[in-house]
C-alpha atoms as a PDB file:
ATOM      1  CA  MET A   1     139.722  83.227  85.572  1.00  0.00           C
ATOM      2  CA  ALA A   2     143.160  83.913  84.147  1.00  0.00           C
ATOM      3  CA  PRO A   3     142.963  85.309  80.620  1.00  0.00           C
ATOM      4  CA  THR A   4     145.968  83.267  79.455  1.00  0.00           C
ATOM      5  CA  VAL A   5     144.578  79.826  80.324  1.00  0.00           C
ATOM      6  CA  ARG A   6     142.841  79.180  76.985  1.00  0.00           C
ATOM      7  CA  PRO A   7     145.768  80.141  74.709  1.00  0.00           C
ATOM      8  CA  PHE A   8     148.176  78.213  76.930  1.00  0.00           C
ATOM      9  CA  ALA A   9     145.907  75.148  76.971  1.00  0.00           C
ATOM     10  CA  GLY A  10     145.584  75.397  73.193  1.00  0.00           C
ATOM     11  CA  PHE A  11     149.374  75.515  72.843  1.00  0.00           C
ATOM     12  CA  VAL A  12     149.808  72.452  75.074  1.00  0.00           C
ATOM     13  CA  PHE A  13     147.065  70.599  73.191  1.00  0.00           C
ATOM     14  CA  VAL A  14     148.681  71.267  69.804  1.00  0.00           C
ATOM     15  CA  ALA A  15     152.194  70.447  71.044  1.00  0.00           C
ATOM     16  CA  SER A  16     151.010  67.192  72.632  1.00  0.00           C
ATOM     17  CA  ALA A  17     149.066  66.220  69.526  1.00  0.00           C
ATOM     18  CA  LEU A  18     152.140  66.861  67.352  1.00  0.00           C
ATOM     19  CA  VAL A  19     154.399  64.744  69.572  1.00  0.00           C
ATOM     20  CA  LEU A  20     151.895  61.884  69.596  1.00  0.00           C
ATOM     21  CA  ALA A  21     151.395  62.193  65.833  1.00  0.00           C
ATOM     22  CA  ALA A  22     155.163  62.004  65.314  1.00  0.00           C
ATOM     23  CA  ALA A  23     155.370  58.902  67.528  1.00  0.00           C
ATOM     24  CA  LEU A  24     152.539  57.208  65.643  1.00  0.00           C
ATOM     25  CA  ALA A  25     153.977  58.218  62.269  1.00  0.00           C
ATOM     26  CA  SER A  26     157.361  56.752  63.182  1.00  0.00           C
ATOM     27  CA  GLN A  27     155.599  53.573  64.248  1.00  0.00           C
ATOM     28  CA  TYR A  28     153.140  53.059  61.396  1.00  0.00           C
ATOM     29  CA  TRP A  29     154.886  54.749  58.480  1.00  0.00           C
ATOM     30  CA  GLY A  30     158.478  54.665  59.659  1.00  0.00           C
ATOM     31  CA  GLY A  31     158.428  51.039  60.720  1.00  0.00           C
ATOM     32  CA  LEU A  32     159.849  51.678  64.209  1.00  0.00           C
ATOM     33  CA  ALA A  33     158.198  49.287  66.614  1.00  0.00           C
ATOM     34  CA  PRO A  34     157.887  50.875  70.069  1.00  0.00           C
ATOM     35  CA  CYS A  35     159.312  49.127  73.098  1.00  0.00           C
ATOM     36  CA  GLU A  36     157.515  48.821  76.423  1.00  0.00           C
ATOM     37  CA  LEU A  37     159.054  52.051  77.755  1.00  0.00           C
ATOM     38  CA  CYS A  38     158.240  53.946  74.551  1.00  0.00           C
ATOM     39  CA  LEU A  39     154.589  53.065  74.982  1.00  0.00           C
ATOM     40  CA  LYS A  40     154.648  54.130  78.642  1.00  0.00           C
ATOM     41  CA  GLU A  41     156.260  57.448  77.705  1.00  0.00           C
ATOM     42  CA  ARG A  42     153.245  58.274  75.545  1.00  0.00           C
ATOM     43  CA  TRP A  43     150.981  58.248  78.620  1.00  0.00           C
ATOM     44  CA  ALA A  44     152.213  61.671  79.725  1.00  0.00           C
ATOM     45  CA  TRP A  45     151.431  63.139  76.315  1.00  0.00           C
ATOM     46  CA  ASP A  46     148.009  61.463  76.296  1.00  0.00           C
ATOM     47  CA  ALA A  47     147.243  62.846  79.761  1.00  0.00           C
ATOM     48  CA  ALA A  48     148.449  66.314  78.759  1.00  0.00           C
ATOM     49  CA  LEU A  49     146.215  66.206  75.685  1.00  0.00           C
ATOM     50  CA  VAL A  50     143.154  65.445  77.834  1.00  0.00           C
ATOM     51  CA  VAL A  51     144.002  68.005  80.537  1.00  0.00           C
ATOM     52  CA  ALA A  52     144.692  70.674  77.923  1.00  0.00           C
ATOM     53  CA  ALA A  53     141.387  69.986  76.162  1.00  0.00           C
ATOM     54  CA  VAL A  54     139.451  70.204  79.431  1.00  0.00           C
ATOM     55  CA  ALA A  55     141.394  73.299  80.494  1.00  0.00           C
ATOM     56  CA  PHE A  56     140.657  74.967  77.162  1.00  0.00           C
ATOM     57  CA  ALA A  57     136.945  74.231  77.393  1.00  0.00           C
ATOM     58  CA  ALA A  58     136.495  74.955  81.100  1.00  0.00           C
ATOM     59  CA  ARG A  59     139.241  77.586  81.546  1.00  0.00           C
ATOM     60  CA  LEU A  60     140.794  75.705  84.440  1.00  0.00           C
ATOM     61  CA  ARG A  61     143.234  77.926  86.311  1.00  0.00           C
ATOM     62  CA  PHE A  62     145.028  74.975  87.904  1.00  0.00           C
ATOM     63  CA  ALA A  63     145.918  73.494  84.514  1.00  0.00           C
ATOM     64  CA  PRO A  64     149.505  74.853  84.284  1.00  0.00           C
ATOM     65  CA  PRO A  65     150.665  73.275  87.581  1.00  0.00           C
ATOM     66  CA  LEU A  66     148.928  70.004  86.736  1.00  0.00           C
ATOM     67  CA  LEU A  67     150.467  69.986  83.257  1.00  0.00           C
ATOM     68  CA  ALA A  68     153.889  70.830  84.703  1.00  0.00           C
ATOM     69  CA  ALA A  69     153.619  67.781  86.964  1.00  0.00           C
ATOM     70  CA  ILE A  70     152.522  65.576  84.058  1.00  0.00           C
ATOM     71  CA  PHE A  71     155.406  66.710  81.849  1.00  0.00           C
ATOM     72  CA  ALA A  72     157.910  66.401  84.712  1.00  0.00           C
ATOM     73  CA  ALA A  73     156.768  62.804  85.246  1.00  0.00           C
ATOM     74  CA  GLY A  74     157.109  62.208  81.509  1.00  0.00           C
ATOM     75  CA  ALA A  75     160.614  63.682  81.576  1.00  0.00           C
ATOM     76  CA  ALA A  76     161.552  61.395  84.483  1.00  0.00           C
ATOM     77  CA  LEU A  77     160.359  58.335  82.565  1.00  0.00           C
ATOM     78  CA  ALA A  78     162.172  59.505  79.421  1.00  0.00           C
ATOM     79  CA  PHE A  79     165.365  60.017  81.458  1.00  0.00           C
ATOM     80  CA  TYR A  80     165.022  56.473  82.779  1.00  0.00           C
ATOM     81  CA  HIS A  81     164.608  55.180  79.213  1.00  0.00           C
ATOM     82  CA  VAL A  82     167.696  57.086  78.054  1.00  0.00           C
ATOM     83  CA  GLY A  83     169.551  55.591  81.016  1.00  0.00           C
ATOM     84  CA  VAL A  84     168.429  52.104  80.021  1.00  0.00           C
ATOM     85  CA  GLU A  85     169.607  52.728  76.456  1.00  0.00           C
ATOM     86  CA  GLN A  86     172.975  53.960  77.735  1.00  0.00           C
ATOM     87  CA  HIS A  87     173.161  51.024  80.197  1.00  0.00           C
ATOM     88  CA  TRP A  88     173.236  53.373  83.205  1.00  0.00           C
ATOM     89  CA  PHE A  89     170.181  51.607  84.663  1.00  0.00           C
ATOM     90  CA  ALA A  90     168.777  48.116  84.411  1.00  0.00           C
ATOM     91  CA  GLY A  91     165.651  48.130  82.290  1.00  0.00           C
ATOM     92  CA  PRO A  92     162.483  46.104  82.609  1.00  0.00           C
ATOM     93  CA  SER A  93     163.204  42.406  82.183  1.00  0.00           C
ATOM     94  CA  SER A  94     160.495  42.174  79.544  1.00  0.00           C
ATOM     95  CA  CYS A  95     162.364  44.409  77.106  1.00  0.00           C
ATOM     96  CA  THR A  96     166.059  44.304  77.986  1.00  0.00           C
ATOM     97  CA  ALA A  97     168.620  42.113  76.259  1.00  0.00           C
ATOM     98  CA  GLY A  98     169.418  39.210  78.501  1.00  0.00           C
ATOM     99  CA  SER A  99     171.190  35.886  78.421  1.00  0.00           C
ATOM    100  CA  GLY A 100     168.951  34.605  75.647  1.00  0.00           C
ATOM    101  CA  GLY A 101     167.061  32.102  77.788  1.00  0.00           C
ATOM    102  CA  ALA A 102     163.432  32.534  78.729  1.00  0.00           C
ATOM    103  CA  GLN A 103     163.105  34.131  82.164  1.00  0.00           C
ATOM    104  CA  THR A 104     159.315  34.269  82.347  1.00  0.00           C
ATOM    105  CA  VAL A 105     156.387  32.428  80.863  1.00  0.00           C
ATOM    106  CA  GLU A 106     155.784  35.434  78.599  1.00  0.00           C
ATOM    107  CA  ASP A 107     159.400  35.244  77.360  1.00  0.00           C
ATOM    108  CA  LEU A 108     158.954  31.554  76.626  1.00  0.00           C
ATOM    109  CA  ARG A 109     155.683  32.275  74.822  1.00  0.00           C
ATOM    110  CA  ARG A 110     157.380  34.904  72.637  1.00  0.00           C
ATOM    111  CA  GLN A 111     160.206  32.498  71.792  1.00  0.00           C
ATOM    112  CA  ILE A 112     157.762  29.755  70.891  1.00  0.00           C
ATOM    113  CA  LEU A 113     155.706  32.075  68.713  1.00  0.00           C
ATOM    114  CA  GLY A 114     158.855  33.521  67.157  1.00  0.00           C
ATOM    115  CA  THR A 115     158.100  37.119  68.092  1.00  0.00           C
ATOM    116  CA  GLU A 116     160.986  38.852  69.736  1.00  0.00           C
ATOM    117  CA  PRO A 117     160.183  41.799  71.973  1.00  0.00           C
ATOM    118  CA  VAL A 118     161.466  45.221  71.004  1.00  0.00           C
ATOM    119  CA  LEU A 119     164.378  45.828  73.323  1.00  0.00           C
ATOM    120  CA  CYS A 120     164.330  48.970  75.466  1.00  0.00           C
ATOM    121  CA  ASP A 121     168.116  49.030  75.815  1.00  0.00           C
ATOM    122  CA  GLN A 122     168.856  49.192  72.100  1.00  0.00           C
ATOM    123  CA  VAL A 123     168.469  52.406  70.112  1.00  0.00           C
ATOM    124  CA  GLN A 124     166.451  51.801  66.940  1.00  0.00           C
ATOM    125  CA  TRP A 125     166.863  55.285  65.477  1.00  0.00           C
ATOM    126  CA  SER A 126     168.679  58.481  66.363  1.00  0.00           C
ATOM    127  CA  LEU A 127     169.082  61.999  65.007  1.00  0.00           C
ATOM    128  CA  PHE A 128     172.292  63.896  65.762  1.00  0.00           C
ATOM    129  CA  GLY A 129     173.242  61.068  68.118  1.00  0.00           C
ATOM    130  CA  ILE A 130     170.070  61.481  70.200  1.00  0.00           C
ATOM    131  CA  SER A 131     167.610  58.593  70.385  1.00  0.00           C
ATOM    132  CA  LEU A 132     163.856  58.986  70.290  1.00  0.00           C
ATOM    133  CA  ALA A 133     163.823  58.595  74.080  1.00  0.00           C
ATOM    134  CA  GLY A 134     166.346  61.441  74.244  1.00  0.00           C
ATOM    135  CA  TRP A 135     164.200  63.638  72.018  1.00  0.00           C
ATOM    136  CA  ASN A 136     161.212  62.805  74.208  1.00  0.00           C
ATOM    137  CA  LEU A 137     163.245  63.863  77.248  1.00  0.00           C
ATOM    138  CA  ILE A 138     164.093  67.174  75.584  1.00  0.00           C
ATOM    139  CA  ALA A 139     160.466  67.783  74.554  1.00  0.00           C
ATOM    140  CA  SER A 140     159.135  66.854  78.005  1.00  0.00           C
ATOM    141  CA  LEU A 141     161.620  69.158  79.728  1.00  0.00           C
ATOM    142  CA  ALA A 142     160.763  71.986  77.319  1.00  0.00           C
ATOM    143  CA  MET A 143     157.054  71.565  78.017  1.00  0.00           C
ATOM    144  CA  THR A 144     157.721  71.447  81.768  1.00  0.00           C
ATOM    145  CA  LEU A 145     159.588  74.749  81.466  1.00  0.00           C
ATOM    146  CA  CYS A 146     156.742  76.250  79.413  1.00  0.00           C
ATOM    147  CA  CYS A 147     154.274  75.238  82.124  1.00  0.00           C
ATOM    148  CA  LEU A 148     156.488  76.706  84.857  1.00  0.00           C
ATOM    149  CA  ALA A 149     156.785  79.932  82.854  1.00  0.00           C
ATOM    150  CA  ALA A 150     152.986  80.081  82.556  1.00  0.00           C
ATOM    151  CA  ILE A 151     152.670  79.609  86.321  1.00  0.00           C
ATOM    152  CA  ARG A 152     155.224  82.342  86.981  1.00  0.00           C
ATOM    153  CA  ARG A 153     153.598  84.729  84.515  1.00  0.00           C
ATOM    154  CA  ARG A 154     150.236  84.243  86.200  1.00  0.00           C
ATOM    155  CA  ALA A 155     151.643  84.815  89.717  1.00  0.00           C
END
């Protein structure tokens, strides 16, 4: 067993927990309602939290490559979300500004009930000109690089 697996897994666990805590704090205390893509972007952090906890407890040597793949997938989804916000890509029809008319039964239901979906292609909040999806992209890429460094250090 590699001696660095437990400290690395602990680092990933804490980092993932902090990112998820920040997302939940911005939602519940900051009043920022997450869009469909925002919620999907949390899956990578949730998965990393679970893998890191198991890796810490069981000293799994294959954790760094698995975590690198998880964070790379999260970075890809975050890049897509940034692209939707910048109108580089078409976003999901369920959370992209459209013509205003209902396109699906769910859209019609939301209009009838008066609840508008949170739009994925509109930035709700930014810091230094970077949206939350952009910050998630940066964090996911940083964690991917940390995982790759851990793999290289072990090799």
